[in-house]
Amino acid sequence: MVELKEGERCDVFCFDQDKVERLRDQIPDVSELVRFFKAVADETRAKIISILSKEEVCVCDLAALLGTTVSNVSHHLRILRSARVVRSRRKGKQVYYSLDDEHVMTIIREGLDHVAHR
């Protein structure tokens, strides 16, 4: 946990009752947002998203690209799919994955820009 430095925290505990009551009603339901970020907060899944941002890829190709097993990739894809990050398409005996929509890559690009910014 990051400790706040002197000057970054209040010296006394008091709060503005009116502000707290006004803002309390403006807190949105963030449960789906949290689920999304939990799904993408894994290095392997972030790599999968990066690959899928370029083109649709089948599970076997993803496994080869990541140097892992089809089972492992399928596990990660299941998590990403349940969070509506990716979608699948069956073609014969193969299943191809792509990003669910352009919003996903926009969020990832913004995150990458943020961590690169110093």
PDB file of N, CA and C in Angstrom:
ATOM      1  N   MET A   1       0.839  -1.170   0.000  1.00  0.00           N
ATOM      2  CA  MET A   1       0.000   0.000   0.000  1.00  0.00           C
ATOM      3  C   MET A   1       0.888   1.238   0.000  1.00  0.00           C
ATOM      4  N   VAL A   2       0.494   2.260  -0.758  1.00  0.00           N
ATOM      5  CA  VAL A   2       1.247   3.508  -0.844  1.00  0.00           C
ATOM      6  C   VAL A   2       0.834   4.409   0.309  1.00  0.00           C
ATOM      7  N   GLU A   3       1.815   4.872   1.024  1.00  0.00           N
ATOM      8  CA  GLU A   3       1.592   5.774   2.158  1.00  0.00           C
ATOM      9  C   GLU A   3       1.518   7.199   1.621  1.00  0.00           C
ATOM     10  N   LEU A   4       0.542   7.975   2.078  1.00  0.00           N
ATOM     11  CA  LEU A   4       0.456   9.378   1.697  1.00  0.00           C
ATOM     12  C   LEU A   4       1.507  10.169   2.455  1.00  0.00           C
ATOM     13  N   LYS A   5       2.163  11.096   1.768  1.00  0.00           N
ATOM     14  CA  LYS A   5       3.187  11.933   2.387  1.00  0.00           C
ATOM     15  C   LYS A   5       2.534  13.080   3.138  1.00  0.00           C
ATOM     16  N   GLU A   6       3.323  13.712   3.984  1.00  0.00           N
ATOM     17  CA  GLU A   6       2.859  14.897   4.702  1.00  0.00           C
ATOM     18  C   GLU A   6       2.394  15.924   3.671  1.00  0.00           C
ATOM     19  N   GLY A   7       1.274  16.543   3.899  1.00  0.00           N
ATOM     20  CA  GLY A   7       0.726  17.509   2.964  1.00  0.00           C
ATOM     21  C   GLY A   7      -0.217  16.899   1.943  1.00  0.00           C
ATOM     22  N   GLU A   8      -0.285  15.553   1.873  1.00  0.00           N
ATOM     23  CA  GLU A   8      -1.169  14.873   0.932  1.00  0.00           C
ATOM     24  C   GLU A   8      -2.427  14.339   1.616  1.00  0.00           C
ATOM     25  N   ARG A   9      -2.540  14.567   2.907  1.00  0.00           N
ATOM     26  CA  ARG A   9      -3.714  14.101   3.634  1.00  0.00           C
ATOM     27  C   ARG A   9      -4.149  15.194   4.611  1.00  0.00           C
ATOM     28  N   CYS A  10      -5.401  15.100   5.006  1.00  0.00           N
ATOM     29  CA  CYS A  10      -5.928  16.072   5.967  1.00  0.00           C
ATOM     30  C   CYS A  10      -5.278  15.841   7.329  1.00  0.00           C
ATOM     31  N   ASP A  11      -5.097  16.920   8.065  1.00  0.00           N
ATOM     32  CA  ASP A  11      -4.550  16.806   9.420  1.00  0.00           C
ATOM     33  C   ASP A  11      -5.634  16.471  10.441  1.00  0.00           C
ATOM     34  N   VAL A  12      -6.872  16.725  10.079  1.00  0.00           N
ATOM     35  CA  VAL A  12      -8.002  16.406  10.962  1.00  0.00           C
ATOM     36  C   VAL A  12      -9.063  15.700  10.142  1.00  0.00           C
ATOM     37  N   PHE A  13      -9.905  14.918  10.811  1.00  0.00           N
ATOM     38  CA  PHE A  13     -10.991  14.253  10.101  1.00  0.00           C
ATOM     39  C   PHE A  13     -12.260  15.075  10.258  1.00  0.00           C
ATOM     40  N   CYS A  14     -12.701  15.640   9.158  1.00  0.00           N
ATOM     41  CA  CYS A  14     -13.994  16.321   9.106  1.00  0.00           C
ATOM     42  C   CYS A  14     -14.454  16.234   7.666  1.00  0.00           C
ATOM     43  N   PHE A  15     -15.743  16.348   7.453  1.00  0.00           N
ATOM     44  CA  PHE A  15     -16.224  16.280   6.082  1.00  0.00           C
ATOM     45  C   PHE A  15     -17.370  17.246   5.879  1.00  0.00           C
ATOM     46  N   ASP A  16     -17.574  17.576   4.602  1.00  0.00           N
ATOM     47  CA  ASP A  16     -18.613  18.508   4.195  1.00  0.00           C
ATOM     48  C   ASP A  16     -19.890  17.710   3.980  1.00  0.00           C
ATOM     49  N   GLN A  17     -20.801  17.777   4.918  1.00  0.00           N
ATOM     50  CA  GLN A  17     -22.045  16.987   4.899  1.00  0.00           C
ATOM     51  C   GLN A  17     -22.830  17.200   3.609  1.00  0.00           C
ATOM     52  N   ASP A  18     -22.971  18.441   3.159  1.00  0.00           N
ATOM     53  CA  ASP A  18     -23.736  18.730   1.942  1.00  0.00           C
ATOM     54  C   ASP A  18     -23.082  18.102   0.713  1.00  0.00           C
ATOM     55  N   LYS A  19     -21.758  18.225   0.621  1.00  0.00           N
ATOM     56  CA  LYS A  19     -21.029  17.666  -0.525  1.00  0.00           C
ATOM     57  C   LYS A  19     -21.138  16.143  -0.538  1.00  0.00           C
ATOM     58  N   VAL A  20     -20.982  15.529   0.626  1.00  0.00           N
ATOM     59  CA  VAL A  20     -21.058  14.072   0.720  1.00  0.00           C
ATOM     60  C   VAL A  20     -22.443  13.585   0.291  1.00  0.00           C
ATOM     61  N   GLU A  21     -23.490  14.216   0.765  1.00  0.00           N
ATOM     62  CA  GLU A  21     -24.854  13.803   0.399  1.00  0.00           C
ATOM     63  C   GLU A  21     -25.114  14.021  -1.086  1.00  0.00           C
ATOM     64  N   ARG A  22     -24.643  15.145  -1.647  1.00  0.00           N
ATOM     65  CA  ARG A  22     -24.848  15.438  -3.066  1.00  0.00           C
ATOM     66  C   ARG A  22     -24.104  14.422  -3.951  1.00  0.00           C
ATOM     67  N   LEU A  23     -22.867  14.128  -3.612  1.00  0.00           N
ATOM     68  CA  LEU A  23     -22.064  13.224  -4.439  1.00  0.00           C
ATOM     69  C   LEU A  23     -22.428  11.761  -4.253  1.00  0.00           C
ATOM     70  N   ARG A  24     -22.924  11.405  -3.089  1.00  0.00           N
ATOM     71  CA  ARG A  24     -23.291  10.009  -2.824  1.00  0.00           C
ATOM     72  C   ARG A  24     -24.284   9.499  -3.867  1.00  0.00           C
ATOM     73  N   ASP A  25     -25.236  10.336  -4.252  1.00  0.00           N
ATOM     74  CA  ASP A  25     -26.249   9.941  -5.234  1.00  0.00           C
ATOM     75  C   ASP A  25     -25.712   9.899  -6.659  1.00  0.00           C
ATOM     76  N   GLN A  26     -24.503  10.394  -6.865  1.00  0.00           N
ATOM     77  CA  GLN A  26     -23.921  10.436  -8.201  1.00  0.00           C
ATOM     78  C   GLN A  26     -22.909   9.317  -8.453  1.00  0.00           C
ATOM     79  N   ILE A  27     -22.738   8.430  -7.492  1.00  0.00           N
ATOM     80  CA  ILE A  27     -21.799   7.320  -7.671  1.00  0.00           C
ATOM     81  C   ILE A  27     -22.485   6.264  -8.546  1.00  0.00           C
ATOM     82  N   PRO A  28     -21.944   6.015  -9.741  1.00  0.00           N
ATOM     83  CA  PRO A  28     -22.586   5.041 -10.640  1.00  0.00           C
ATOM     84  C   PRO A  28     -22.313   3.597 -10.195  1.00  0.00           C
ATOM     85  N   ASP A  29     -23.085   2.689 -10.741  1.00  0.00           N
ATOM     86  CA  ASP A  29     -22.822   1.266 -10.516  1.00  0.00           C
ATOM     87  C   ASP A  29     -21.601   0.911 -11.368  1.00  0.00           C
ATOM     88  N   VAL A  30     -20.505   0.592 -10.734  1.00  0.00           N
ATOM     89  CA  VAL A  30     -19.257   0.317 -11.453  1.00  0.00           C
ATOM     90  C   VAL A  30     -18.912  -1.173 -11.498  1.00  0.00           C
ATOM     91  N   SER A  31     -19.860  -2.018 -11.143  1.00  0.00           N
ATOM     92  CA  SER A  31     -19.557  -3.454 -11.059  1.00  0.00           C
ATOM     93  C   SER A  31     -19.108  -4.042 -12.395  1.00  0.00           C
ATOM     94  N   GLU A  32     -19.729  -3.650 -13.505  1.00  0.00           N
ATOM     95  CA  GLU A  32     -19.310  -4.164 -14.813  1.00  0.00           C
ATOM     96  C   GLU A  32     -17.958  -3.596 -15.222  1.00  0.00           C
ATOM     97  N   LEU A  33     -17.705  -2.362 -14.866  1.00  0.00           N
ATOM     98  CA  LEU A  33     -16.402  -1.744 -15.152  1.00  0.00           C
ATOM     99  C   LEU A  33     -15.295  -2.473 -14.402  1.00  0.00           C
ATOM    100  N   VAL A  34     -15.546  -2.790 -13.146  1.00  0.00           N
ATOM    101  CA  VAL A  34     -14.568  -3.522 -12.331  1.00  0.00           C
ATOM    102  C   VAL A  34     -14.339  -4.905 -12.934  1.00  0.00           C
ATOM    103  N   ARG A  35     -15.406  -5.549 -13.361  1.00  0.00           N
ATOM    104  CA  ARG A  35     -15.287  -6.873 -13.995  1.00  0.00           C
ATOM    105  C   ARG A  35     -14.429  -6.786 -15.262  1.00  0.00           C
ATOM    106  N   PHE A  36     -14.639  -5.737 -16.057  1.00  0.00           N
ATOM    107  CA  PHE A  36     -13.844  -5.529 -17.268  1.00  0.00           C
ATOM    108  C   PHE A  36     -12.365  -5.394 -16.928  1.00  0.00           C
ATOM    109  N   PHE A  37     -12.060  -4.515 -15.971  1.00  0.00           N
ATOM    110  CA  PHE A  37     -10.654  -4.287 -15.626  1.00  0.00           C
ATOM    111  C   PHE A  37     -10.006  -5.511 -14.983  1.00  0.00           C
ATOM    112  N   LYS A  38     -10.766  -6.268 -14.215  1.00  0.00           N
ATOM    113  CA  LYS A  38     -10.215  -7.516 -13.666  1.00  0.00           C
ATOM    114  C   LYS A  38      -9.880  -8.483 -14.793  1.00  0.00           C
ATOM    115  N   ALA A  39     -10.720  -8.512 -15.814  1.00  0.00           N
ATOM    116  CA  ALA A  39     -10.489  -9.428 -16.933  1.00  0.00           C
ATOM    117  C   ALA A  39      -9.246  -9.056 -17.721  1.00  0.00           C
ATOM    118  N   VAL A  40      -8.994  -7.780 -17.911  1.00  0.00           N
ATOM    119  CA  VAL A  40      -7.838  -7.374 -18.714  1.00  0.00           C
ATOM    120  C   VAL A  40      -6.577  -7.205 -17.881  1.00  0.00           C
ATOM    121  N   ALA A  41      -6.694  -7.301 -16.563  1.00  0.00           N
ATOM    122  CA  ALA A  41      -5.550  -7.083 -15.665  1.00  0.00           C
ATOM    123  C   ALA A  41      -4.722  -8.348 -15.488  1.00  0.00           C
ATOM    124  N   ASP A  42      -4.294  -8.909 -16.580  1.00  0.00           N
ATOM    125  CA  ASP A  42      -3.456 -10.105 -16.582  1.00  0.00           C
ATOM    126  C   ASP A  42      -2.549  -9.996 -17.798  1.00  0.00           C
ATOM    127  N   GLU A  43      -1.268 -10.293 -17.634  1.00  0.00           N
ATOM    128  CA  GLU A  43      -0.318 -10.112 -18.727  1.00  0.00           C
ATOM    129  C   GLU A  43      -0.674 -10.942 -19.962  1.00  0.00           C
ATOM    130  N   THR A  44      -1.055 -12.193 -19.769  1.00  0.00           N
ATOM    131  CA  THR A  44      -1.405 -13.045 -20.909  1.00  0.00           C
ATOM    132  C   THR A  44      -2.640 -12.504 -21.616  1.00  0.00           C
ATOM    133  N   ARG A  45      -3.645 -12.104 -20.850  1.00  0.00           N
ATOM    134  CA  ARG A  45      -4.865 -11.574 -21.464  1.00  0.00           C
ATOM    135  C   ARG A  45      -4.592 -10.246 -22.167  1.00  0.00           C
ATOM    136  N   ALA A  46      -3.711  -9.427 -21.613  1.00  0.00           N
ATOM    137  CA  ALA A  46      -3.346  -8.165 -22.277  1.00  0.00           C
ATOM    138  C   ALA A  46      -2.654  -8.462 -23.609  1.00  0.00           C
ATOM    139  N   LYS A  47      -1.820  -9.492 -23.640  1.00  0.00           N
ATOM    140  CA  LYS A  47      -1.161  -9.880 -24.896  1.00  0.00           C
ATOM    141  C   LYS A  47      -2.184 -10.391 -25.906  1.00  0.00           C
ATOM    142  N   ILE A  48      -3.148 -11.170 -25.440  1.00  0.00           N
ATOM    143  CA  ILE A  48      -4.212 -11.668 -26.324  1.00  0.00           C
ATOM    144  C   ILE A  48      -4.960 -10.485 -26.934  1.00  0.00           C
ATOM    145  N   ILE A  49      -5.299  -9.507 -26.118  1.00  0.00           N
ATOM    146  CA  ILE A  49      -6.015  -8.326 -26.605  1.00  0.00           C
ATOM    147  C   ILE A  49      -5.170  -7.587 -27.639  1.00  0.00           C
ATOM    148  N   SER A  50      -3.879  -7.466 -27.377  1.00  0.00           N
ATOM    149  CA  SER A  50      -2.989  -6.803 -28.320  1.00  0.00           C
ATOM    150  C   SER A  50      -2.974  -7.524 -29.663  1.00  0.00           C
ATOM    151  N   ILE A  51      -2.872  -8.832 -29.623  1.00  0.00           N
ATOM    152  CA  ILE A  51      -2.876  -9.629 -30.864  1.00  0.00           C
ATOM    153  C   ILE A  51      -4.200  -9.455 -31.599  1.00  0.00           C
ATOM    154  N   LEU A  52      -5.303  -9.560 -30.854  1.00  0.00           N
ATOM    155  CA  LEU A  52      -6.620  -9.464 -31.482  1.00  0.00           C
ATOM    156  C   LEU A  52      -6.935  -8.061 -31.977  1.00  0.00           C
ATOM    157  N   SER A  53      -6.192  -7.073 -31.512  1.00  0.00           N
ATOM    158  CA  SER A  53      -6.405  -5.713 -32.006  1.00  0.00           C
ATOM    159  C   SER A  53      -5.929  -5.577 -33.450  1.00  0.00           C
ATOM    160  N   LYS A  54      -5.095  -6.512 -33.867  1.00  0.00           N
ATOM    161  CA  LYS A  54      -4.550  -6.472 -35.220  1.00  0.00           C
ATOM    162  C   LYS A  54      -5.422  -7.246 -36.210  1.00  0.00           C
ATOM    163  N   GLU A  55      -5.911  -8.422 -35.773  1.00  0.00           N
ATOM    164  CA  GLU A  55      -6.795  -9.219 -36.635  1.00  0.00           C
ATOM    165  C   GLU A  55      -7.408 -10.380 -35.863  1.00  0.00           C
ATOM    166  N   GLU A  56      -8.407 -10.968 -36.467  1.00  0.00           N
ATOM    167  CA  GLU A  56      -9.067 -12.143 -35.903  1.00  0.00           C
ATOM    168  C   GLU A  56      -8.085 -13.313 -35.919  1.00  0.00           C
ATOM    169  N   VAL A  57      -8.042 -14.086 -34.831  1.00  0.00           N
ATOM    170  CA  VAL A  57      -7.063 -15.167 -34.710  1.00  0.00           C
ATOM    171  C   VAL A  57      -7.746 -16.382 -34.075  1.00  0.00           C
ATOM    172  N   CYS A  58      -7.366 -17.582 -34.532  1.00  0.00           N
ATOM    173  CA  CYS A  58      -7.923 -18.796 -33.936  1.00  0.00           C
ATOM    174  C   CYS A  58      -7.151 -19.154 -32.664  1.00  0.00           C
ATOM    175  N   VAL A  59      -7.763 -19.982 -31.852  1.00  0.00           N
ATOM    176  CA  VAL A  59      -7.193 -20.369 -30.561  1.00  0.00           C
ATOM    177  C   VAL A  59      -5.818 -21.004 -30.729  1.00  0.00           C
ATOM    178  N   CYS A  60      -5.656 -21.872 -31.718  1.00  0.00           N
ATOM    179  CA  CYS A  60      -4.372 -22.555 -31.933  1.00  0.00           C
ATOM    180  C   CYS A  60      -3.267 -21.561 -32.276  1.00  0.00           C
ATOM    181  N   ASP A  61      -3.581 -20.583 -33.115  1.00  0.00           N
ATOM    182  CA  ASP A  61      -2.587 -19.563 -33.465  1.00  0.00           C
ATOM    183  C   ASP A  61      -2.225 -18.719 -32.251  1.00  0.00           C
ATOM    184  N   LEU A  62      -3.210 -18.380 -31.423  1.00  0.00           N
ATOM    185  CA  LEU A  62      -2.928 -17.634 -30.200  1.00  0.00           C
ATOM    186  C   LEU A  62      -1.976 -18.412 -29.298  1.00  0.00           C
ATOM    187  N   ALA A  63      -2.232 -19.713 -29.157  1.00  0.00           N
ATOM    188  CA  ALA A  63      -1.362 -20.553 -28.321  1.00  0.00           C
ATOM    189  C   ALA A  63       0.065 -20.562 -28.865  1.00  0.00           C
ATOM    190  N   ALA A  64       0.193 -20.677 -30.180  1.00  0.00           N
ATOM    191  CA  ALA A  64       1.534 -20.675 -30.799  1.00  0.00           C
ATOM    192  C   ALA A  64       2.221 -19.325 -30.610  1.00  0.00           C
ATOM    193  N   LEU A  65       1.491 -18.258 -30.791  1.00  0.00           N
ATOM    194  CA  LEU A  65       2.062 -16.915 -30.628  1.00  0.00           C
ATOM    195  C   LEU A  65       2.523 -16.655 -29.195  1.00  0.00           C
ATOM    196  N   LEU A  66       1.773 -17.175 -28.231  1.00  0.00           N
ATOM    197  CA  LEU A  66       2.079 -16.939 -26.821  1.00  0.00           C
ATOM    198  C   LEU A  66       3.000 -18.000 -26.222  1.00  0.00           C
ATOM    199  N   GLY A  67       3.268 -19.055 -26.990  1.00  0.00           N
ATOM    200  CA  GLY A  67       4.130 -20.122 -26.486  1.00  0.00           C
ATOM    201  C   GLY A  67       3.516 -20.874 -25.326  1.00  0.00           C
ATOM    202  N   THR A  68       2.225 -21.123 -25.409  1.00  0.00           N
ATOM    203  CA  THR A  68       1.513 -21.824 -24.342  1.00  0.00           C
ATOM    204  C   THR A  68       0.555 -22.839 -24.943  1.00  0.00           C
ATOM    205  N   THR A  69      -0.262 -23.449 -24.125  1.00  0.00           N
ATOM    206  CA  THR A  69      -1.171 -24.488 -24.593  1.00  0.00           C
ATOM    207  C   THR A  69      -2.515 -23.901 -25.026  1.00  0.00           C
ATOM    208  N   VAL A  70      -3.210 -24.658 -25.854  1.00  0.00           N
ATOM    209  CA  VAL A  70      -4.557 -24.278 -26.271  1.00  0.00           C
ATOM    210  C   VAL A  70      -5.467 -24.200 -25.045  1.00  0.00           C
ATOM    211  N   SER A  71      -5.276 -25.108 -24.110  1.00  0.00           N
ATOM    212  CA  SER A  71      -6.075 -25.109 -22.888  1.00  0.00           C
ATOM    213  C   SER A  71      -5.894 -23.816 -22.093  1.00  0.00           C
ATOM    214  N   ASN A  72      -4.647 -23.376 -21.970  1.00  0.00           N
ATOM    215  CA  ASN A  72      -4.359 -22.148 -21.246  1.00  0.00           C
ATOM    216  C   ASN A  72      -4.989 -20.945 -21.945  1.00  0.00           C
ATOM    217  N   VAL A  73      -4.846 -20.867 -23.254  1.00  0.00           N
ATOM    218  CA  VAL A  73      -5.427 -19.766 -24.024  1.00  0.00           C
ATOM    219  C   VAL A  73      -6.947 -19.795 -23.898  1.00  0.00           C
ATOM    220  N   SER A  74      -7.533 -20.968 -23.994  1.00  0.00           N
ATOM    221  CA  SER A  74      -8.984 -21.098 -23.877  1.00  0.00           C
ATOM    222  C   SER A  74      -9.488 -20.604 -22.529  1.00  0.00           C
ATOM    223  N   HIS A  75      -8.730 -20.894 -21.476  1.00  0.00           N
ATOM    224  CA  HIS A  75      -9.080 -20.412 -20.137  1.00  0.00           C
ATOM    225  C   HIS A  75      -9.118 -18.881 -20.117  1.00  0.00           C
ATOM    226  N   HIS A  76      -8.091 -18.249 -20.664  1.00  0.00           N
ATOM    227  CA  HIS A  76      -8.038 -16.791 -20.687  1.00  0.00           C
ATOM    228  C   HIS A  76      -9.136 -16.207 -21.573  1.00  0.00           C
ATOM    229  N   LEU A  77      -9.382 -16.841 -22.710  1.00  0.00           N
ATOM    230  CA  LEU A  77     -10.437 -16.360 -23.601  1.00  0.00           C
ATOM    231  C   LEU A  77     -11.818 -16.462 -22.956  1.00  0.00           C
ATOM    232  N   ARG A  78     -12.030 -17.490 -22.165  1.00  0.00           N
ATOM    233  CA  ARG A  78     -13.311 -17.653 -21.464  1.00  0.00           C
ATOM    234  C   ARG A  78     -13.546 -16.466 -20.528  1.00  0.00           C
ATOM    235  N   ILE A  79     -12.504 -16.049 -19.821  1.00  0.00           N
ATOM    236  CA  ILE A  79     -12.606 -14.896 -18.915  1.00  0.00           C
ATOM    237  C   ILE A  79     -12.878 -13.618 -19.716  1.00  0.00           C
ATOM    238  N   LEU A  80     -12.148 -13.432 -20.805  1.00  0.00           N
ATOM    239  CA  LEU A  80     -12.335 -12.242 -21.633  1.00  0.00           C
ATOM    240  C   LEU A  80     -13.713 -12.223 -22.287  1.00  0.00           C
ATOM    241  N   ARG A  81     -14.180 -13.368 -22.671  1.00  0.00           N
ATOM    242  CA  ARG A  81     -15.504 -13.444 -23.305  1.00  0.00           C
ATOM    243  C   ARG A  81     -16.612 -13.138 -22.302  1.00  0.00           C
ATOM    244  N   SER A  82     -16.479 -13.649 -21.091  1.00  0.00           N
ATOM    245  CA  SER A  82     -17.516 -13.402 -20.084  1.00  0.00           C
ATOM    246  C   SER A  82     -17.570 -11.927 -19.685  1.00  0.00           C
ATOM    247  N   ALA A  83     -16.467 -11.207 -19.861  1.00  0.00           N
ATOM    248  CA  ALA A  83     -16.430  -9.773 -19.568  1.00  0.00           C
ATOM    249  C   ALA A  83     -16.738  -8.937 -20.817  1.00  0.00           C
ATOM    250  N   ARG A  84     -17.120  -9.595 -21.911  1.00  0.00           N
ATOM    251  CA  ARG A  84     -17.470  -8.944 -23.172  1.00  0.00           C
ATOM    252  C   ARG A  84     -16.305  -8.150 -23.767  1.00  0.00           C
ATOM    253  N   VAL A  85     -15.100  -8.695 -23.593  1.00  0.00           N
ATOM    254  CA  VAL A  85     -13.909  -8.077 -24.171  1.00  0.00           C
ATOM    255  C   VAL A  85     -13.665  -8.655 -25.566  1.00  0.00           C
ATOM    256  N   VAL A  86     -13.919  -9.960 -25.730  1.00  0.00           N
ATOM    257  CA  VAL A  86     -13.738 -10.624 -27.020  1.00  0.00           C
ATOM    258  C   VAL A  86     -15.029 -11.345 -27.409  1.00  0.00           C
ATOM    259  N   ARG A  87     -15.095 -11.674 -28.683  1.00  0.00           N
ATOM    260  CA  ARG A  87     -16.212 -12.492 -29.183  1.00  0.00           C
ATOM    261  C   ARG A  87     -15.626 -13.590 -30.059  1.00  0.00           C
ATOM    262  N   SER A  88     -16.399 -14.633 -30.254  1.00  0.00           N
ATOM    263  CA  SER A  88     -15.896 -15.764 -31.033  1.00  0.00           C
ATOM    264  C   SER A  88     -16.772 -16.019 -32.256  1.00  0.00           C
ATOM    265  N   ARG A  89     -16.152 -16.720 -33.216  1.00  0.00           N
ATOM    266  CA  ARG A  89     -16.848 -17.111 -34.438  1.00  0.00           C
ATOM    267  C   ARG A  89     -16.321 -18.481 -34.835  1.00  0.00           C
ATOM    268  N   ARG A  90     -17.232 -19.413 -35.026  1.00  0.00           N
ATOM    269  CA  ARG A  90     -16.836 -20.764 -35.425  1.00  0.00           C
ATOM    270  C   ARG A  90     -16.833 -20.860 -36.949  1.00  0.00           C
ATOM    271  N   LYS A  91     -15.758 -21.468 -37.481  1.00  0.00           N
ATOM    272  CA  LYS A  91     -15.664 -21.747 -38.910  1.00  0.00           C
ATOM    273  C   LYS A  91     -15.199 -23.188 -39.029  1.00  0.00           C
ATOM    274  N   GLY A  92     -16.124 -24.066 -39.327  1.00  0.00           N
ATOM    275  CA  GLY A  92     -15.810 -25.489 -39.374  1.00  0.00           C
ATOM    276  C   GLY A  92     -15.434 -25.991 -37.996  1.00  0.00           C
ATOM    277  N   LYS A  93     -14.231 -26.526 -37.878  1.00  0.00           N
ATOM    278  CA  LYS A  93     -13.766 -27.056 -36.593  1.00  0.00           C
ATOM    279  C   LYS A  93     -12.937 -26.058 -35.801  1.00  0.00           C
ATOM    280  N   GLN A  94     -12.741 -24.876 -36.358  1.00  0.00           N
ATOM    281  CA  GLN A  94     -11.922 -23.884 -35.683  1.00  0.00           C
ATOM    282  C   GLN A  94     -12.790 -22.755 -35.127  1.00  0.00           C
ATOM    283  N   VAL A  95     -12.300 -22.167 -34.023  1.00  0.00           N
ATOM    284  CA  VAL A  95     -12.973 -21.023 -33.420  1.00  0.00           C
ATOM    285  C   VAL A  95     -12.028 -19.836 -33.499  1.00  0.00           C
ATOM    286  N   TYR A  96     -12.521 -18.747 -34.062  1.00  0.00           N
ATOM    287  CA  TYR A  96     -11.750 -17.529 -34.226  1.00  0.00           C
ATOM    288  C   TYR A  96     -12.229 -16.478 -33.237  1.00  0.00           C
ATOM    289  N   TYR A  97     -11.296 -15.694 -32.718  1.00  0.00           N
ATOM    290  CA  TYR A  97     -11.629 -14.651 -31.746  1.00  0.00           C
ATOM    291  C   TYR A  97     -11.244 -13.288 -32.296  1.00  0.00           C
ATOM    292  N   SER A  98     -12.025 -12.295 -31.892  1.00  0.00           N
ATOM    293  CA  SER A  98     -11.747 -10.903 -32.221  1.00  0.00           C
ATOM    294  C   SER A  98     -12.192 -10.062 -31.032  1.00  0.00           C
ATOM    295  N   LEU A  99     -11.789  -8.799 -31.030  1.00  0.00           N
ATOM    296  CA  LEU A  99     -12.239  -7.911 -29.966  1.00  0.00           C
ATOM    297  C   LEU A  99     -13.738  -7.690 -30.115  1.00  0.00           C
ATOM    298  N   ASP A 100     -14.411  -7.538 -28.997  1.00  0.00           N
ATOM    299  CA  ASP A 100     -15.860  -7.379 -29.022  1.00  0.00           C
ATOM    300  C   ASP A 100     -16.270  -6.115 -29.770  1.00  0.00           C
ATOM    301  N   ASP A 101     -15.554  -5.018 -29.540  1.00  0.00           N
ATOM    302  CA  ASP A 101     -15.814  -3.782 -30.281  1.00  0.00           C
ATOM    303  C   ASP A 101     -14.615  -2.844 -30.151  1.00  0.00           C
ATOM    304  N   GLU A 102     -14.680  -1.730 -30.833  1.00  0.00           N
ATOM    305  CA  GLU A 102     -13.564  -0.786 -30.861  1.00  0.00           C
ATOM    306  C   GLU A 102     -13.304  -0.141 -29.502  1.00  0.00           C
ATOM    307  N   HIS A 103     -14.309  -0.105 -28.621  1.00  0.00           N
ATOM    308  CA  HIS A 103     -14.118   0.487 -27.297  1.00  0.00           C
ATOM    309  C   HIS A 103     -12.997  -0.215 -26.529  1.00  0.00           C
ATOM    310  N   VAL A 104     -12.899  -1.511 -26.687  1.00  0.00           N
ATOM    311  CA  VAL A 104     -11.895  -2.286 -25.957  1.00  0.00           C
ATOM    312  C   VAL A 104     -10.502  -1.764 -26.282  1.00  0.00           C
ATOM    313  N   MET A 105     -10.195  -1.621 -27.560  1.00  0.00           N
ATOM    314  CA  MET A 105      -8.861  -1.174 -27.943  1.00  0.00           C
ATOM    315  C   MET A 105      -8.635   0.272 -27.553  1.00  0.00           C
ATOM    316  N   THR A 106      -9.680   1.095 -27.596  1.00  0.00           N
ATOM    317  CA  THR A 106      -9.544   2.486 -27.161  1.00  0.00           C
ATOM    318  C   THR A 106      -9.121   2.543 -25.699  1.00  0.00           C
ATOM    319  N   ILE A 107      -9.748   1.739 -24.862  1.00  0.00           N
ATOM    320  CA  ILE A 107      -9.410   1.698 -23.432  1.00  0.00           C
ATOM    321  C   ILE A 107      -7.980   1.219 -23.241  1.00  0.00           C
ATOM    322  N   ILE A 108      -7.578   0.187 -23.968  1.00  0.00           N
ATOM    323  CA  ILE A 108      -6.222  -0.352 -23.840  1.00  0.00           C
ATOM    324  C   ILE A 108      -5.200   0.678 -24.317  1.00  0.00           C
ATOM    325  N   ARG A 109      -5.468   1.337 -25.447  1.00  0.00           N
ATOM    326  CA  ARG A 109      -4.538   2.364 -25.944  1.00  0.00           C
ATOM    327  C   ARG A 109      -4.388   3.499 -24.934  1.00  0.00           C
ATOM    328  N   GLU A 110      -5.493   3.924 -24.356  1.00  0.00           N
ATOM    329  CA  GLU A 110      -5.444   4.984 -23.349  1.00  0.00           C
ATOM    330  C   GLU A 110      -4.605   4.542 -22.146  1.00  0.00           C
ATOM    331  N   GLY A 111      -4.774   3.281 -21.737  1.00  0.00           N
ATOM    332  CA  GLY A 111      -3.980   2.755 -20.630  1.00  0.00           C
ATOM    333  C   GLY A 111      -2.498   2.725 -20.960  1.00  0.00           C
ATOM    334  N   LEU A 112      -2.170   2.294 -22.164  1.00  0.00           N
ATOM    335  CA  LEU A 112      -0.771   2.261 -22.594  1.00  0.00           C
ATOM    336  C   LEU A 112      -0.195   3.671 -22.671  1.00  0.00           C
ATOM    337  N   ASP A 113      -0.983   4.608 -23.182  1.00  0.00           N
ATOM    338  CA  ASP A 113      -0.527   5.999 -23.224  1.00  0.00           C
ATOM    339  C   ASP A 113      -0.291   6.539 -21.821  1.00  0.00           C
ATOM    340  N   HIS A 114      -1.170   6.173 -20.904  1.00  0.00           N
ATOM    341  CA  HIS A 114      -1.054   6.652 -19.534  1.00  0.00           C
ATOM    342  C   HIS A 114       0.237   6.147 -18.878  1.00  0.00           C
ATOM    343  N   VAL A 115       0.532   4.860 -19.004  1.00  0.00           N
ATOM    344  CA  VAL A 115       1.723   4.325 -18.339  1.00  0.00           C
ATOM    345  C   VAL A 115       3.015   4.784 -19.024  1.00  0.00           C
ATOM    346  N   ALA A 116       2.937   5.167 -20.298  1.00  0.00           N
ATOM    347  CA  ALA A 116       4.120   5.658 -21.011  1.00  0.00           C
ATOM    348  C   ALA A 116       4.383   7.138 -20.711  1.00  0.00           C
ATOM    349  N   HIS A 117       3.368   7.811 -20.246  1.00  0.00           N
ATOM    350  CA  HIS A 117       3.467   9.258 -19.961  1.00  0.00           C
ATOM    351  C   HIS A 117       4.188   9.509 -18.651  1.00  0.00           C
ATOM    352  N   ARG A 118       5.254  10.268 -18.703  1.00  0.00           N
ATOM    353  CA  ARG A 118       6.015  10.621 -17.477  1.00  0.00           C
ATOM    354  C   ARG A 118       6.421  12.038 -17.538  1.00  0.00           C
TER     355      ARG A 118
END
